[in-house]
Amino acid sequence: ALISQGLKYPGIKSLAPDKPGEIFLMDLNEDNPRAVELRISRGFDLASFNPHGISTYVDRDDTVYLFVVNHPHQKSTVELFKFVEDDNSLVHLKTIRHDLLTSVNDIVAMGPDSFYATNDHYFSEFILMFLEMFLGLTWSNVVYYSPKEVKEVAAGFYSANGINISPDRKYIYVADPLDHNVHVMEKHANWNLTHVK
């Protein structure tokens, strides 16, 4: 299991405010599993690493890609890493930014460079985020990202939070904690999502 740790988020107390975030590996097959910190390749800005949701994608050649939602300086980016098992390390491949990735919470990888991501708020400024929640606005959404296409694929959530995919890869699940719901969405060939239940 890969684990992200160290998120600093407006309005939530941090036990280690000056410590950058980390990614850990835990072998759940061990009798007494323990979390081992993964080294991150040089050239990546570790000082502002503020990891949130994560997702892995295993390619046909068994390459493991790790997608990490990052909030450096309270912005939203997605960091793409390659996991090197022999070395217990992550090689940083690229940083993804886009105007539609405004307040990213979680992510589910769909390929080596594509994913669905939830924006848990419409606004990215703390005061406006609070106002958005206070007024009960349903402006949160899900975005599909690939190098060729970026688009909103589902909307109307109070706060789209966790996201995952069914084992048969036909359905996407979106948790909306403010609405006390998990939305089941059907995935289509054009990557759009439609509400099922």
Protein backbone atom coordinates (compact mmCIF):
# COMPACT_ATOMS: atom_id res chain seq x y z
CA ALA A 1 0.00 0.00 0.00
CA LEU A 2 1.14 3.52 -0.76
CA ILE A 3 0.15 6.17 1.79
CA SER A 4 0.26 9.98 1.60
CA GLN A 5 0.87 11.87 4.85
CA GLY A 6 1.34 15.43 6.01
CA LEU A 7 -1.52 17.36 4.39
CA LYS A 8 -1.77 20.95 5.53
CA TYR A 9 -5.21 22.36 4.73
CA PRO A 10 -6.85 25.69 5.66
CA GLY A 11 -8.89 25.38 8.83
CA ILE A 12 -7.39 22.01 9.83
CA LYS A 13 -4.76 21.91 12.59
CA SER A 14 -1.43 20.37 11.57
CA LEU A 15 0.65 18.46 14.12
CA ALA A 16 3.83 19.19 12.13
CA PRO A 17 3.26 22.50 10.29
CA ASP A 18 6.89 22.92 9.20
CA LYS A 19 7.43 19.35 8.00
CA PRO A 20 6.86 18.62 4.30
CA GLY A 21 4.53 15.83 3.25
CA GLU A 22 5.72 12.30 2.63
CA ILE A 23 4.78 9.12 0.76
CA PHE A 24 5.10 5.80 2.58
CA LEU A 25 5.09 2.18 1.42
CA MET A 26 3.63 -0.57 3.59
CA ASP A 27 3.83 -4.28 2.78
CA LEU A 28 0.54 -5.67 4.07
CA ASN A 29 1.77 -9.25 3.58
CA GLU A 30 4.25 -8.89 6.44
CA ASP A 31 3.31 -10.18 9.90
CA ASN A 32 4.02 -6.75 11.43
CA PRO A 33 3.72 -4.27 8.56
CA ARG A 34 5.50 -0.97 9.01
CA ALA A 35 5.44 2.17 6.93
CA VAL A 36 8.70 2.96 5.11
CA GLU A 37 9.20 6.45 3.72
CA LEU A 38 9.92 6.54 -0.02
CA ARG A 39 12.78 8.71 -1.23
CA ILE A 40 11.79 11.25 -3.89
CA SER A 41 14.14 12.07 -6.77
CA ARG A 42 16.21 15.23 -6.87
CA GLY A 43 14.81 18.25 -8.65
CA PHE A 44 11.40 17.94 -7.00
CA ASP A 45 10.43 20.72 -4.55
CA LEU A 46 10.11 18.70 -1.34
CA ALA A 47 9.86 21.78 0.90
CA SER A 48 6.39 22.66 -0.44
CA PHE A 49 5.19 19.05 -0.88
CA ASN A 50 1.63 18.95 0.53
CA PRO A 51 0.11 15.63 -0.63
CA HIS A 52 -3.62 14.87 -0.58
CA GLY A 53 -5.34 12.12 -2.62
CA ILE A 54 -3.25 9.51 -4.46
CA SER A 55 -3.80 6.83 -7.09
CA THR A 56 -1.67 4.24 -8.86
CA TYR A 57 -1.69 2.94 -12.41
CA VAL A 58 0.18 -0.24 -13.38
CA ASP A 59 1.12 -0.23 -17.06
CA ARG A 60 1.34 -3.30 -19.34
CA ASP A 61 5.10 -3.50 -18.69
CA ASP A 62 4.43 -3.51 -14.90
CA THR A 63 5.64 0.08 -14.49
CA VAL A 64 3.87 1.58 -11.47
CA TYR A 65 2.85 5.23 -11.84
CA LEU A 66 1.82 7.18 -8.76
CA PHE A 67 -0.42 10.23 -9.13
CA VAL A 68 -0.37 12.58 -6.13
CA VAL A 69 -2.66 15.56 -5.57
CA ASN A 70 -0.36 18.30 -4.24
CA HIS A 71 -1.15 21.68 -2.69
CA PRO A 72 2.09 23.68 -2.84
CA HIS A 73 1.47 27.19 -1.49
CA GLN A 74 -2.29 26.37 -1.28
CA LYS A 75 -2.53 25.78 -5.05
CA SER A 76 -3.60 22.52 -6.75
CA THR A 77 -1.30 20.42 -8.91
CA VAL A 78 -1.03 16.73 -9.73
CA GLU A 79 2.43 15.21 -9.45
CA LEU A 80 3.25 12.16 -11.54
CA PHE A 81 5.90 9.76 -10.21
CA LYS A 82 7.31 6.40 -11.26
CA PHE A 83 7.66 3.96 -8.36
CA VAL A 84 11.02 2.14 -8.25
CA GLU A 85 10.47 -0.89 -6.00
CA ASP A 86 14.11 -2.06 -5.86
CA ASP A 87 15.16 1.35 -4.55
CA ASN A 88 12.09 2.27 -2.42
CA SER A 89 11.97 5.54 -4.31
CA LEU A 90 9.79 7.74 -6.49
CA VAL A 91 11.11 9.35 -9.66
CA HIS A 92 9.27 12.60 -10.40
CA LEU A 93 8.14 12.67 -14.04
CA LYS A 94 6.06 15.85 -14.28
CA THR A 95 3.80 18.40 -12.60
CA ILE A 96 0.32 18.82 -14.08
CA ARG A 97 -1.53 22.14 -13.76
CA HIS A 98 -4.75 23.19 -15.45
CA ASP A 99 -7.41 25.88 -15.03
CA LEU A 100 -10.04 23.17 -14.40
CA LEU A 101 -7.95 21.62 -11.59
CA THR A 102 -8.74 24.35 -9.07
CA SER A 103 -9.33 22.68 -5.69
CA VAL A 104 -8.36 19.05 -6.24
CA ASN A 105 -9.10 16.60 -3.44
CA ASP A 106 -8.69 13.09 -4.84
CA ILE A 107 -7.76 11.34 -8.05
CA VAL A 108 -8.19 8.01 -9.80
CA ALA A 109 -5.67 7.09 -12.51
CA MET A 110 -7.04 5.88 -15.84
CA GLY A 111 -3.74 5.49 -17.70
CA PRO A 112 -0.07 6.45 -17.44
CA ASP A 113 -0.95 10.12 -18.03
CA SER A 114 -4.74 10.39 -17.59
CA PHE A 115 -7.08 10.54 -14.60
CA TYR A 116 -10.34 11.67 -13.08
CA ALA A 117 -10.04 14.25 -10.29
CA THR A 118 -12.52 15.73 -7.83
CA ASN A 119 -12.62 19.45 -7.08
CA ASP A 120 -14.03 19.66 -3.56
CA HIS A 121 -14.81 23.39 -3.91
CA TYR A 122 -15.48 25.80 -6.74
CA PHE A 123 -13.40 28.52 -5.10
CA SER A 124 -9.79 28.14 -3.99
CA GLU A 125 -9.64 31.03 -1.48
CA PHE A 126 -10.44 29.92 2.09
CA ILE A 127 -13.07 32.61 2.84
CA LEU A 128 -14.92 31.92 -0.42
CA MET A 129 -14.67 28.15 0.18
CA PHE A 130 -16.29 28.61 3.60
CA LEU A 131 -19.01 30.81 2.11
CA GLU A 132 -19.64 28.21 -0.61
CA MET A 133 -20.16 25.51 2.06
CA PHE A 134 -22.24 27.83 4.28
CA LEU A 135 -24.60 28.69 1.38
CA GLY A 136 -24.86 25.03 0.33
CA LEU A 137 -23.78 25.69 -3.25
CA THR A 138 -23.52 22.59 -5.47
CA TRP A 139 -20.68 23.89 -7.62
CA SER A 140 -18.17 21.09 -6.98
CA ASN A 141 -17.27 18.77 -9.88
CA VAL A 142 -15.29 15.92 -11.42
CA VAL A 143 -12.75 16.62 -14.17
CA TYR A 144 -11.20 14.23 -16.69
CA TYR A 145 -7.59 15.00 -17.63
CA SER A 146 -5.41 13.66 -20.43
CA PRO A 147 -2.67 15.41 -22.46
CA LYS A 148 -5.15 15.64 -25.38
CA GLU A 149 -8.32 16.65 -23.53
CA VAL A 150 -9.35 18.21 -20.23
CA LYS A 151 -13.05 18.61 -19.41
CA GLU A 152 -15.66 18.65 -16.68
CA VAL A 153 -17.44 15.27 -16.75
CA ALA A 154 -19.79 15.52 -13.74
CA ALA A 155 -21.08 18.42 -11.64
CA GLY A 156 -23.64 19.40 -9.03
CA PHE A 157 -21.89 18.12 -5.89
CA TYR A 158 -21.76 19.92 -2.54
CA SER A 159 -18.17 18.71 -2.11
CA ALA A 160 -16.85 16.01 -4.45
CA ASN A 161 -14.26 14.29 -2.29
CA GLY A 162 -12.98 10.70 -2.60
CA ILE A 163 -13.09 9.04 -6.02
CA ASN A 164 -12.48 5.47 -7.17
CA ILE A 165 -13.29 3.01 -9.93
CA SER A 166 -15.13 -0.32 -9.86
CA PRO A 167 -13.08 -3.51 -10.41
CA ASP A 168 -14.64 -3.96 -13.89
CA ARG A 169 -13.66 -0.32 -14.70
CA LYS A 170 -17.24 0.51 -15.81
CA TYR A 171 -18.26 2.75 -12.89
CA ILE A 172 -16.76 5.67 -11.01
CA TYR A 173 -17.67 6.27 -7.36
CA VAL A 174 -17.67 9.84 -6.01
CA ALA A 175 -18.05 10.48 -2.28
CA ASP A 176 -19.81 13.71 -1.28
CA PRO A 177 -19.49 13.95 2.53
CA LEU A 178 -21.51 17.17 2.81
CA ASP A 179 -24.42 15.42 1.07
CA HIS A 180 -23.84 12.12 2.97
CA ASN A 181 -23.79 10.26 -0.36
CA VAL A 182 -21.63 8.10 -2.59
CA HIS A 183 -22.61 8.70 -6.21
CA VAL A 184 -22.29 5.82 -8.68
CA MET A 185 -21.45 7.15 -12.15
CA GLU A 186 -21.27 5.17 -15.40
CA LYS A 187 -18.10 5.76 -17.43
CA HIS A 188 -18.54 6.16 -21.20
CA ALA A 189 -16.14 5.72 -24.13
CA ASN A 190 -15.74 9.52 -24.43
CA TRP A 191 -14.80 9.63 -20.67
CA ASN A 192 -18.04 11.42 -19.73
CA LEU A 193 -19.86 10.22 -16.61
CA THR A 194 -23.61 9.79 -16.12
CA HIS A 195 -25.39 9.36 -12.81
CA VAL A 196 -26.62 5.81 -12.05
CA LYS A 197 -27.64 5.99 -8.39
